[in-house]
Amino acid sequence: MPFLPVLLWSDLLIWLLLAAGGLLAWGIARNPPLRSAWVRVGQSRAGMASATVLLVFILVGLLDSVHYRPRLESKADKPGVVAPGNGQAAAYGVEVLSLLDSALTSLRTRNEKTYSEPLATRAYGKEMLEQKGTDGVVRQVQDFPRLKFGGSHLGDQEGGRDADVTRRLLAALGLAVLAWWAVAAAIAAALARSTGSGHRAAWQRLWGGGTGERGFAWDAVLVTLAGLFLAVAPLLALAPEYHVFGTDKVGQDVLYQVLKSIRTALIIGLVTTLVMLPFAVLLGIAAGYFRGWVDDLIQYGYTTLNSIPGVLLIAAAVLMMQVVIDTHPQWFATAAERADLRLLALCFILGMTSWTGLARLLRGETLKLAQLEYIQAAQAFGVSGLRIILRHILPNVMHIVLISLVMDFSGLVLAEAVLSYVGIGVDPTMISFGTMINNARLELAREPMVWWSLAAAFVFMVVLVLAANLFADAVRDAFDPRAV
C-alpha cells in the first residue's frame, strides 16, 4: 500500500459531527416548524452569502481531516532492483499528511531560506554574495539573494515579473468568469427542470424576480460565488510559481499556513460546542424545571466557575495536560498524534469553562415554560418529570440552543487565537491563526517590518468569524418567535 491511513481523534470527531449534521437535516426535513424556520434562513441574503463562505471553509477543513503516512521508498522500489521476499514489512514515514497536504504539495515543499515578500523573486534581507564584475574579478557584495523557488521560472528575465503576474491574473479572472457562468447556468437549468418552467423564468427566479413570493436567496449565493471565484482563481494561477502571501522566518509559504489553520479553527469552534452542549442543556433545564435545592446547587456551581478568571483556569488546565503528555511519550507514535491530543484537551477545557452562559439562558426559558398550562396539565396527570422534559420542554428550547451554538462559534475561534498568542493554546507544532499571530509578534518589531504573515492570518480569520456572525444573525432572526 502506498500509504498508511491514520485516524486522529479529532478526525473521528469531525466526521461524527458531519454525520450528526446529516441526521439533524433529516430530522428537520420531517418537522414542519423547524423546516419552515430553515426556509426563512434560506430566504436571507446575508445568511446564504455567509453560508456559502462557511461551506468553502468547511470543505478545506474536511480535506485536511483525512490523514495518512506515506510509504518510504525502499530498494525494491528502485528500477533494476529485485524485490525481496513477501515477508518484508513496508516502512512508512513518521510525518502525517492529509489530502490537503497532497493538493498543496508545491506550497508545502517549496521552502525558501527565510523571509520573502508576497510575489517577490528575491529574499527580504540582504546577504553577502559573490558577484563577478565586468573585469572578471569576483567580489563580495551585499545584496538581496534570488529566491530558490519564487519566480524561478523567469530565469534570467527577472524584470518580466510584473508582466508575467499581469498575464496570469487576467487569464485567471477570465477563467473565473467562465466558471461562474457555468455554475449559474447549471443552477438555472436545475431550477427549470424542478419547477417545469422555462429557462427565462428560471433565470428570473434565480435573481429574485418574476415571482410574487420570496424564495431561496440564489442571487446572494451567486454573488458570493462570483467573489470567491475572483479571489481563488488568481491564487491558483500564481501559487505554483510565486509565494502569493510571502514566506515566514523559516521560508515556509504563508498561504499554506493559513489554509492549514482553517481546520484548527473549525475544530476549536465545533468540537468545543460538542463538549459544552450536554452540560449546558442538562444542567440548565434541570435547574429551571426542578427548582428548589437542585436549582440552588447548579446556580452555585456555575457562579463559582464564573468567579474564577477564565484565562487562569484554562492556563492551569492546559499546563497540567502538557505535563501528562510530556511524561508519557510512549502514547504517541507521531508528533501529529501528540499535537492532536493537546488540541482536543484545549477543546475539552474550553467546553468545560464556557457552558455557563447557555445554561443560564435555558434555566430562564425553562422557568417560563414550566408555568404554562400544558406543562401543569401533564404534571397533574402524573407524567414523570423526565418525560415532560424530553417531550415538552427540550423541543421548545432547542431554538435557543441552536442560536447560542452558532453565535459562540466565532467567539471560540477568537479565543483560540488569543490563547495561542499567550502560549497556552494549541501545540507549537500545529499551525493555527493564533500561532501565526504569535510568531508574527516579533516580526513587526524588526526593521524592515514583516507584515504579510500577520495580515494573511488576520484576513482569513476575520472572514471566517464575520461569515459565522452573519449566519448566526440569520439563524437568530429565523428562529425568533416574533418572526412572521
Protein backbone atom coordinates (compact mmCIF):
# COMPACT_ATOMS: atom_id res chain seq x y z
CA MET A 1 0.00 0.00 0.00
CA PRO A 2 1.50 3.40 -0.96
CA PHE A 3 0.21 4.95 2.26
CA LEU A 4 -0.89 4.03 5.76
CA PRO A 5 -4.24 5.53 6.83
CA VAL A 6 -4.12 7.44 10.09
CA LEU A 7 -7.25 8.29 12.08
CA LEU A 8 -6.69 11.03 14.62
CA TRP A 9 -9.19 11.58 17.40
CA SER A 10 -10.04 15.00 16.02
CA ASP A 11 -10.69 13.46 12.59
CA LEU A 12 -13.11 11.00 14.15
CA LEU A 13 -14.98 13.78 15.94
CA ILE A 14 -15.20 15.89 12.78
CA TRP A 15 -16.69 13.08 10.72
CA LEU A 16 -19.06 12.16 13.55
CA LEU A 17 -20.20 15.79 13.64
CA LEU A 18 -20.73 15.66 9.88
CA ALA A 19 -22.84 12.52 10.24
CA ALA A 20 -24.78 14.12 13.10
CA GLY A 21 -25.41 17.15 10.89
CA GLY A 22 -26.84 14.87 8.23
CA LEU A 23 -29.17 13.21 10.75
CA LEU A 24 -30.18 16.64 12.03
CA ALA A 25 -31.01 17.78 8.49
CA TRP A 26 -33.11 14.63 8.02
CA GLY A 27 -34.96 15.34 11.25
CA ILE A 28 -35.54 18.99 10.30
CA ALA A 29 -36.99 17.91 6.95
CA ARG A 30 -39.58 15.79 8.80
CA ASN A 31 -40.51 18.55 11.26
CA PRO A 32 -42.70 21.26 9.68
CA PRO A 33 -41.99 24.06 12.23
CA LEU A 34 -38.22 23.54 12.02
CA ARG A 35 -38.38 23.19 8.25
CA SER A 36 -40.23 26.48 7.91
CA ALA A 37 -37.67 28.21 10.13
CA TRP A 38 -34.78 26.96 7.99
CA VAL A 39 -36.69 28.03 4.88
CA ARG A 40 -36.60 31.54 6.31
CA VAL A 41 -32.83 31.15 6.77
CA GLY A 42 -32.59 30.21 3.10
CA GLN A 43 -34.50 33.34 2.15
CA SER A 44 -31.99 35.57 3.93
CA ARG A 45 -29.45 37.02 1.52
CA ALA A 46 -26.91 37.70 4.25
CA GLY A 47 -27.43 34.22 5.67
CA MET A 48 -26.93 32.44 2.36
CA ALA A 49 -23.92 34.57 1.41
CA SER A 50 -22.24 33.77 4.73
CA ALA A 51 -23.26 30.09 4.48
CA THR A 52 -21.55 29.86 1.08
CA VAL A 53 -18.32 31.22 2.55
CA LEU A 54 -18.59 28.86 5.53
CA LEU A 55 -19.07 25.87 3.21
CA VAL A 56 -15.78 26.71 1.50
CA PHE A 57 -14.00 26.81 4.86
CA ILE A 58 -15.64 23.54 5.89
CA LEU A 59 -14.56 21.87 2.63
CA VAL A 60 -10.96 22.89 3.28
CA GLY A 61 -11.24 21.58 6.84
CA LEU A 62 -12.63 18.22 5.67
CA LEU A 63 -9.82 17.80 3.15
CA ASP A 64 -7.38 18.42 5.99
CA SER A 65 -9.11 15.79 8.15
CA VAL A 66 -8.20 12.73 6.07
CA HIS A 67 -4.71 11.76 7.21
CA TYR A 68 -2.16 9.18 6.16
CA ARG A 69 1.53 8.33 6.45
CA PRO A 70 3.31 8.00 3.09
CA ARG A 71 5.29 4.88 2.33
CA LEU A 72 9.05 5.26 2.33
CA GLU A 73 10.90 4.32 -0.80
CA SER A 74 12.83 1.08 -0.40
CA LYS A 75 15.49 -0.58 -2.51
CA ALA A 76 12.84 -2.79 -4.05
CA ASP A 77 11.07 0.28 -5.39
CA LYS A 78 14.10 1.36 -7.41
CA PRO A 79 14.32 0.23 -11.03
CA GLY A 80 16.59 -2.70 -11.71
CA VAL A 81 16.46 -4.00 -8.13
CA VAL A 82 14.91 -7.38 -7.40
CA ALA A 83 12.23 -7.22 -4.72
CA PRO A 84 12.86 -9.23 -1.56
CA GLY A 85 10.51 -11.83 -0.19
CA ASN A 86 6.94 -11.09 0.71
CA GLY A 87 7.77 -11.26 4.41
CA GLN A 88 9.44 -7.85 4.43
CA ALA A 89 7.16 -5.23 6.02
CA ALA A 90 6.68 -1.89 4.32
CA ALA A 91 8.12 1.16 6.06
CA TYR A 92 6.12 4.36 6.40
CA GLY A 93 7.26 7.84 7.25
CA VAL A 94 6.66 9.44 10.64
CA GLU A 95 5.21 12.59 9.06
CA VAL A 96 1.41 12.56 8.98
CA LEU A 97 -0.04 14.21 5.88
CA SER A 98 -3.58 14.96 4.75
CA LEU A 99 -5.41 15.23 1.45
CA LEU A 100 -4.98 18.98 1.69
CA ASP A 101 -1.24 18.50 2.04
CA SER A 102 -1.26 16.35 -1.09
CA ALA A 103 -3.19 19.02 -3.00
CA LEU A 104 -0.77 21.70 -1.76
CA THR A 105 2.43 19.73 -2.27
CA SER A 106 4.03 22.55 -4.24
CA LEU A 107 3.32 25.03 -1.44
CA ARG A 108 4.39 22.63 1.29
CA THR A 109 7.70 21.58 -0.21
CA ARG A 110 8.90 24.80 -1.88
CA ASN A 111 10.55 26.32 1.17
CA GLU A 112 12.88 29.27 0.89
CA LYS A 113 15.75 30.20 3.19
CA THR A 114 13.94 32.95 5.12
CA TYR A 115 11.54 35.88 4.68
CA SER A 116 10.32 36.99 1.27
CA GLU A 117 7.62 39.47 0.34
CA PRO A 118 4.41 38.48 -1.49
CA LEU A 119 5.10 37.74 -5.17
CA ALA A 120 8.81 38.53 -4.65
CA THR A 121 11.67 36.98 -6.60
CA ARG A 122 14.33 37.91 -4.05
CA ALA A 123 14.69 37.48 -0.31
CA TYR A 124 13.65 40.21 2.09
CA GLY A 125 17.06 40.62 3.75
CA LYS A 126 20.47 41.32 2.28
CA GLU A 127 23.28 38.78 2.36
CA MET A 128 26.93 38.68 1.30
CA LEU A 129 27.02 37.36 -2.25
CA GLU A 130 29.80 36.65 -4.69
CA GLN A 131 29.38 38.74 -7.81
CA LYS A 132 31.57 38.71 -10.88
CA GLY A 133 32.37 42.18 -12.17
CA THR A 134 32.93 43.38 -15.73
CA ASP A 135 36.66 42.95 -15.25
CA GLY A 136 36.22 39.26 -14.43
CA VAL A 137 37.11 39.66 -10.75
CA VAL A 138 34.76 38.02 -8.22
CA ARG A 139 33.91 40.36 -5.37
CA GLN A 140 31.88 40.08 -2.16
CA VAL A 141 28.82 42.36 -2.33
CA GLN A 142 25.81 42.79 -0.06
CA ASP A 143 22.60 42.29 -1.98
CA PHE A 144 19.19 40.60 -1.86
CA PRO A 145 19.69 36.95 -2.91
CA ARG A 146 17.48 35.36 -5.52
CA LEU A 147 14.77 33.03 -4.22
CA LYS A 148 15.15 29.33 -4.89
CA PHE A 149 11.54 28.82 -5.99
CA GLY A 150 9.70 32.15 -6.11
CA GLY A 151 9.78 33.33 -9.72
CA SER A 152 12.38 30.72 -10.66
CA HIS A 153 10.55 30.04 -13.94
CA LEU A 154 11.57 33.52 -15.11
CA GLY A 155 15.22 32.53 -15.23
CA ASP A 156 17.41 35.49 -16.11
CA GLN A 157 14.35 37.52 -17.17
CA GLU A 158 13.63 38.66 -13.64
CA GLY A 159 12.45 42.04 -14.87
CA GLY A 160 9.50 40.40 -16.59
CA ARG A 161 7.85 39.52 -13.31
CA ASP A 162 5.21 42.25 -13.46
CA ALA A 163 4.21 41.31 -16.99
CA ASP A 164 4.06 37.62 -16.03
CA VAL A 165 1.91 38.33 -12.97
CA THR A 166 -0.44 40.54 -15.01
CA ARG A 167 -0.83 37.90 -17.70
CA ARG A 168 -1.60 35.19 -15.14
CA LEU A 169 -4.08 37.43 -13.32
CA LEU A 170 -6.00 38.30 -16.50
CA ALA A 171 -6.15 34.66 -17.57
CA ALA A 172 -7.31 33.60 -14.08
CA LEU A 173 -10.01 36.26 -13.96
CA GLY A 174 -11.27 35.20 -17.38
CA LEU A 175 -11.47 31.56 -16.27
CA ALA A 176 -13.22 32.65 -13.06
CA VAL A 177 -15.91 34.45 -15.06
CA LEU A 178 -16.42 31.40 -17.30
CA ALA A 179 -16.59 29.05 -14.30
CA TRP A 180 -19.10 31.29 -12.54
CA TRP A 181 -21.25 31.48 -15.68
CA ALA A 182 -21.20 27.70 -15.97
CA VAL A 183 -22.29 27.28 -12.34
CA ALA A 184 -25.08 29.85 -12.74
CA ALA A 185 -26.30 28.16 -15.93
CA ALA A 186 -26.29 24.76 -14.22
CA ILE A 187 -28.34 26.10 -11.29
CA ALA A 188 -30.80 27.79 -13.67
CA ALA A 189 -31.20 24.56 -15.66
CA ALA A 190 -31.81 22.60 -12.44
CA LEU A 191 -34.46 25.13 -11.35
CA ALA A 192 -36.14 24.94 -14.75
CA ARG A 193 -36.35 21.14 -14.53
CA SER A 194 -37.59 21.13 -10.92
CA THR A 195 -40.29 23.75 -11.46
CA GLY A 196 -41.27 22.80 -15.00
CA SER A 197 -40.86 26.39 -16.14
CA GLY A 198 -38.79 27.79 -19.00
CA HIS A 199 -35.19 28.92 -18.77
CA ARG A 200 -36.19 32.56 -18.83
CA ALA A 201 -38.46 32.11 -15.79
CA ALA A 202 -35.71 30.13 -14.06
CA TRP A 203 -33.22 32.97 -14.57
CA GLN A 204 -35.76 35.46 -13.23
CA ARG A 205 -36.35 33.30 -10.19
CA LEU A 206 -32.61 32.89 -9.76
CA TRP A 207 -32.20 36.63 -9.38
CA GLY A 208 -35.26 37.16 -7.17
CA GLY A 209 -37.63 38.39 -9.87
CA GLY A 210 -40.66 37.07 -11.66
CA THR A 211 -42.42 35.69 -8.56
CA GLY A 212 -44.62 37.35 -6.03
CA GLU A 213 -43.17 35.43 -3.07
CA ARG A 214 -39.59 35.46 -1.92
CA GLY A 215 -37.79 32.18 -2.46
CA PHE A 216 -34.33 30.86 -1.80
CA ALA A 217 -31.69 33.60 -1.99
CA TRP A 218 -29.93 32.27 -5.09
CA ASP A 219 -28.84 35.77 -6.03
CA ALA A 220 -26.81 36.11 -2.81
CA VAL A 221 -25.24 32.68 -3.39
CA LEU A 222 -24.24 33.57 -6.95
CA VAL A 223 -22.83 36.96 -5.99
CA THR A 224 -20.80 35.32 -3.23
CA LEU A 225 -19.58 32.61 -5.60
CA ALA A 226 -18.53 35.31 -8.05
CA GLY A 227 -16.43 36.96 -5.35
CA LEU A 228 -14.93 33.62 -4.31
CA PHE A 229 -14.06 32.67 -7.89
CA LEU A 230 -12.46 36.05 -8.50
CA ALA A 231 -10.41 35.65 -5.31
CA VAL A 232 -9.44 31.98 -5.63
CA ALA A 233 -8.62 31.89 -9.35
CA PRO A 234 -5.67 34.33 -9.09
CA LEU A 235 -4.31 32.31 -6.16
CA LEU A 236 -4.47 29.11 -8.20
CA ALA A 237 -2.76 30.83 -11.12
CA LEU A 238 0.05 32.47 -9.14
CA ALA A 239 0.72 29.97 -6.33
CA PRO A 240 2.56 27.36 -8.48
CA GLU A 241 5.29 29.86 -9.41
CA TYR A 242 5.21 32.55 -6.70
CA HIS A 243 4.75 32.86 -2.97
CA VAL A 244 1.47 34.78 -3.13
CA PHE A 245 1.45 35.73 0.56
CA GLY A 246 5.21 35.60 1.00
CA THR A 247 7.21 33.33 3.31
CA ASP A 248 7.91 33.32 7.04
CA LYS A 249 11.14 33.18 9.04
CA VAL A 250 11.94 29.59 8.05
CA GLY A 251 10.89 30.13 4.43
CA GLN A 252 7.52 28.35 4.59
CA ASP A 253 4.76 29.60 2.34
CA VAL A 254 2.26 31.74 4.27
CA LEU A 255 -0.65 30.73 2.01
CA TYR A 256 -0.06 27.11 3.02
CA GLN A 257 -0.08 28.12 6.68
CA VAL A 258 -3.39 29.99 6.56
CA LEU A 259 -5.07 27.11 4.73
CA LYS A 260 -3.81 24.66 7.36
CA SER A 261 -5.07 26.97 10.12
CA ILE A 262 -8.67 26.59 8.95
CA ARG A 263 -9.02 23.04 10.29
CA THR A 264 -7.72 24.07 13.70
CA ALA A 265 -10.23 26.92 13.89
CA LEU A 266 -13.12 24.66 12.86
CA ILE A 267 -12.19 22.02 15.44
CA ILE A 268 -11.98 24.61 18.19
CA GLY A 269 -15.36 26.03 17.21
CA LEU A 270 -17.23 22.76 16.58
CA VAL A 271 -15.75 20.21 19.00
CA THR A 272 -15.88 22.65 21.90
CA THR A 273 -19.61 23.09 21.35
CA LEU A 274 -19.96 19.30 21.37
CA VAL A 275 -18.30 19.24 24.81
CA MET A 276 -20.29 22.12 26.32
CA LEU A 277 -23.70 21.12 24.94
CA PRO A 278 -24.53 18.23 27.36
CA PHE A 279 -23.54 20.24 30.44
CA ALA A 280 -25.46 23.35 29.39
CA VAL A 281 -28.65 21.56 28.31
CA LEU A 282 -28.82 19.06 31.16
CA LEU A 283 -27.97 21.44 33.98
CA GLY A 284 -29.84 24.45 32.60
CA ILE A 285 -33.13 22.60 32.08
CA ALA A 286 -32.81 20.71 35.37
CA ALA A 287 -32.29 23.94 37.30
CA GLY A 288 -35.31 25.60 35.70
CA TYR A 289 -37.70 22.66 35.98
CA PHE A 290 -36.94 21.09 39.37
CA ARG A 291 -36.08 24.37 41.12
CA GLY A 292 -35.54 24.15 44.88
CA TRP A 293 -32.24 22.70 46.06
CA VAL A 294 -31.41 21.44 42.56
CA ASP A 295 -31.59 24.98 41.21
CA ASP A 296 -29.56 26.33 44.13
CA LEU A 297 -26.85 23.69 43.68
CA ILE A 298 -26.50 24.25 39.93
CA GLN A 299 -26.52 28.03 40.32
CA TYR A 300 -23.84 27.78 42.99
CA GLY A 301 -21.75 25.60 40.66
CA TYR A 302 -21.74 27.87 37.62
CA THR A 303 -21.49 31.03 39.74
CA THR A 304 -18.36 29.62 41.37
CA LEU A 305 -16.97 28.65 37.96
CA ASN A 306 -17.62 32.13 36.58
CA SER A 307 -15.87 33.72 39.56
CA ILE A 308 -12.55 32.14 38.53
CA PRO A 309 -10.70 34.13 35.83
CA GLY A 310 -11.16 32.16 32.64
CA VAL A 311 -7.64 32.63 31.29
CA LEU A 312 -6.06 31.45 34.56
CA LEU A 313 -8.31 28.40 34.73
CA ILE A 314 -7.58 27.47 31.13
CA ALA A 315 -3.84 28.08 31.60
CA ALA A 316 -3.71 25.83 34.68
CA ALA A 317 -5.63 23.03 32.93
CA VAL A 318 -3.51 23.25 29.76
CA LEU A 319 -0.25 23.18 31.72
CA MET A 320 -1.37 20.13 33.71
CA MET A 321 -2.34 18.39 30.49
CA GLN A 322 1.03 19.27 28.97
CA VAL A 323 2.78 17.64 31.95
CA VAL A 324 0.81 14.45 31.33
CA ILE A 325 1.73 14.50 27.64
CA ASP A 326 5.43 15.12 28.35
CA THR A 327 5.67 12.30 30.91
CA HIS A 328 4.04 9.72 28.61
CA PRO A 329 5.78 9.94 25.22
CA GLN A 330 5.08 6.26 24.58
CA TRP A 331 1.43 7.10 23.96
CA PHE A 332 2.20 8.77 20.64
CA ALA A 333 3.62 7.20 17.50
CA THR A 334 3.95 10.54 15.70
CA ALA A 335 4.19 14.21 16.57
CA ALA A 336 0.79 14.76 14.93
CA GLU A 337 -0.89 12.49 17.48
CA ARG A 338 0.75 14.42 20.30
CA ALA A 339 -0.40 17.77 18.91
CA ASP A 340 -3.87 16.35 18.27
CA LEU A 341 -4.27 15.28 21.90
CA ARG A 342 -3.35 18.75 23.12
CA LEU A 343 -5.87 20.26 20.67
CA LEU A 344 -8.64 18.02 21.97
CA ALA A 345 -7.63 18.80 25.55
CA LEU A 346 -7.94 22.51 24.75
CA CYS A 347 -11.41 21.90 23.25
CA PHE A 348 -12.47 19.99 26.37
CA ILE A 349 -11.15 22.72 28.67
CA LEU A 350 -12.86 25.49 26.70
CA GLY A 351 -16.10 23.50 26.72
CA MET A 352 -15.93 22.97 30.48
CA THR A 353 -15.48 26.70 31.08
CA SER A 354 -17.96 28.09 28.51
CA TRP A 355 -21.20 26.19 29.19
CA THR A 356 -22.44 28.51 31.91
CA GLY A 357 -23.89 31.20 29.62
CA LEU A 358 -26.12 28.78 27.71
CA ALA A 359 -27.14 27.07 30.95
CA ARG A 360 -28.39 30.38 32.34
CA LEU A 361 -30.45 31.06 29.22
CA LEU A 362 -32.01 27.58 29.32
CA ARG A 363 -32.77 27.90 33.02
CA GLY A 364 -34.67 31.13 32.47
CA GLU A 365 -36.61 29.76 29.50
CA THR A 366 -37.46 26.55 31.39
CA LEU A 367 -38.75 28.55 34.35
CA LYS A 368 -41.14 30.30 31.96
CA LEU A 369 -42.24 27.12 30.17
CA ALA A 370 -42.88 25.28 33.43
CA GLN A 371 -45.69 27.74 34.24
CA LEU A 372 -47.62 27.09 31.02
CA GLU A 373 -50.92 25.22 31.11
CA TYR A 374 -49.92 22.15 29.10
CA ILE A 375 -46.92 21.53 31.37
CA GLN A 376 -49.05 21.86 34.50
CA ALA A 377 -51.67 19.59 32.93
CA ALA A 378 -49.04 16.94 32.26
CA GLN A 379 -47.88 17.19 35.87
CA ALA A 380 -51.48 16.86 37.10
CA PHE A 381 -51.91 13.65 35.07
CA GLY A 382 -48.85 12.19 36.76
CA VAL A 383 -46.44 12.33 33.82
CA SER A 384 -42.88 11.89 35.05
CA GLY A 385 -40.54 14.87 35.10
CA LEU A 386 -38.09 13.20 32.70
CA ARG A 387 -40.83 12.58 30.15
CA ILE A 388 -42.06 16.18 30.43
CA ILE A 389 -38.52 17.47 29.88
CA LEU A 390 -37.92 15.27 26.84
CA ARG A 391 -41.31 15.72 25.13
CA HIS A 392 -42.36 19.25 26.07
CA ILE A 393 -39.51 21.39 27.36
CA LEU A 394 -36.49 20.27 25.33
CA PRO A 395 -38.14 20.76 21.89
CA ASN A 396 -39.23 24.27 22.91
CA VAL A 397 -35.75 25.40 23.96
CA MET A 398 -33.83 23.92 21.03
CA HIS A 399 -34.01 27.21 19.13
CA ILE A 400 -32.07 28.86 21.96
CA VAL A 401 -29.52 26.05 21.90
CA LEU A 402 -29.06 26.34 18.15
CA ILE A 403 -28.74 30.12 18.18
CA SER A 404 -26.26 30.08 21.06
CA LEU A 405 -24.06 27.43 19.47
CA VAL A 406 -23.88 29.25 16.15
CA MET A 407 -23.11 32.56 17.83
CA ASP A 408 -20.50 31.03 20.17
CA PHE A 409 -18.55 29.58 17.23
CA SER A 410 -16.89 32.87 16.31
CA GLY A 411 -16.05 33.60 19.94
CA LEU A 412 -14.31 30.25 20.30
CA VAL A 413 -12.26 30.83 17.15
CA LEU A 414 -11.08 34.16 18.55
CA ALA A 415 -10.42 32.53 21.93
CA GLU A 416 -8.02 30.05 20.33
CA ALA A 417 -6.14 32.89 18.67
CA VAL A 418 -5.79 34.74 21.97
CA LEU A 419 -4.76 31.63 23.93
CA SER A 420 -2.17 30.58 21.33
CA TYR A 421 -0.86 34.14 21.30
CA VAL A 422 -0.12 33.97 25.04
CA GLY A 423 1.37 30.48 24.71
CA ILE A 424 -1.37 28.31 26.28
CA GLY A 425 -3.23 27.35 23.13
CA VAL A 426 -2.54 24.59 20.62
CA ASP A 427 0.77 22.75 20.32
CA PRO A 428 3.52 24.94 18.80
CA THR A 429 3.97 22.37 16.01
CA MET A 430 0.34 22.76 14.93
CA ILE A 431 -0.45 25.59 12.56
CA SER A 432 -3.27 27.88 13.65
CA PHE A 433 -4.24 31.51 13.38
CA GLY A 434 -3.09 32.02 16.96
CA THR A 435 0.37 30.54 16.40
CA MET A 436 0.78 32.59 13.22
CA ILE A 437 -0.08 35.77 15.10
CA ASN A 438 2.22 34.76 17.95
CA ASN A 439 5.11 34.13 15.55
CA ALA A 440 4.46 37.45 13.84
CA ARG A 441 4.73 39.35 17.13
CA LEU A 442 8.48 39.83 16.87
CA GLU A 443 8.38 40.24 13.11
CA LEU A 444 6.52 43.53 13.49
CA ALA A 445 9.37 44.93 15.61
CA ARG A 446 12.16 44.16 13.15
CA GLU A 447 13.41 46.56 10.51
CA PRO A 448 12.25 46.30 7.81
CA MET A 449 8.91 45.11 9.21
CA VAL A 450 7.50 41.75 8.15
CA TRP A 451 3.76 42.38 7.88
CA TRP A 452 2.37 39.79 5.46
CA SER A 453 2.18 36.80 7.84
CA LEU A 454 0.08 38.71 10.35
CA ALA A 455 -2.03 40.29 7.60
CA ALA A 456 -2.84 36.93 5.97
CA ALA A 457 -3.85 35.32 9.29
CA PHE A 458 -5.90 38.39 10.21
CA VAL A 459 -7.79 38.50 6.89
CA PHE A 460 -8.67 34.80 6.84
CA MET A 461 -9.71 34.79 10.49
CA VAL A 462 -11.86 37.92 10.05
CA VAL A 463 -13.59 36.40 7.01
CA LEU A 464 -14.33 33.18 8.92
CA VAL A 465 -15.59 34.99 12.03
CA LEU A 466 -17.61 37.53 10.03
CA ALA A 467 -19.29 34.78 8.00
CA ALA A 468 -20.13 32.89 11.20
CA ASN A 469 -21.59 36.02 12.80
CA LEU A 470 -23.72 36.87 9.77
CA PHE A 471 -25.01 33.31 9.58
CA ALA A 472 -25.76 33.39 13.31
CA ASP A 473 -27.78 36.59 12.82
CA ALA A 474 -29.80 34.94 10.05
CA VAL A 475 -30.48 31.89 12.22
CA ARG A 476 -31.47 34.07 15.17
CA ASP A 477 -33.90 36.09 13.06
CA ALA A 478 -35.42 32.96 11.51
CA PHE A 479 -35.98 31.25 14.87
CA ASP A 480 -37.28 34.39 16.57
CA PRO A 481 -40.79 33.56 17.91
CA ARG A 482 -41.90 37.06 16.95
CA ALA A 483 -40.98 36.43 13.28
CA VAL A 484 -43.92 36.48 10.91
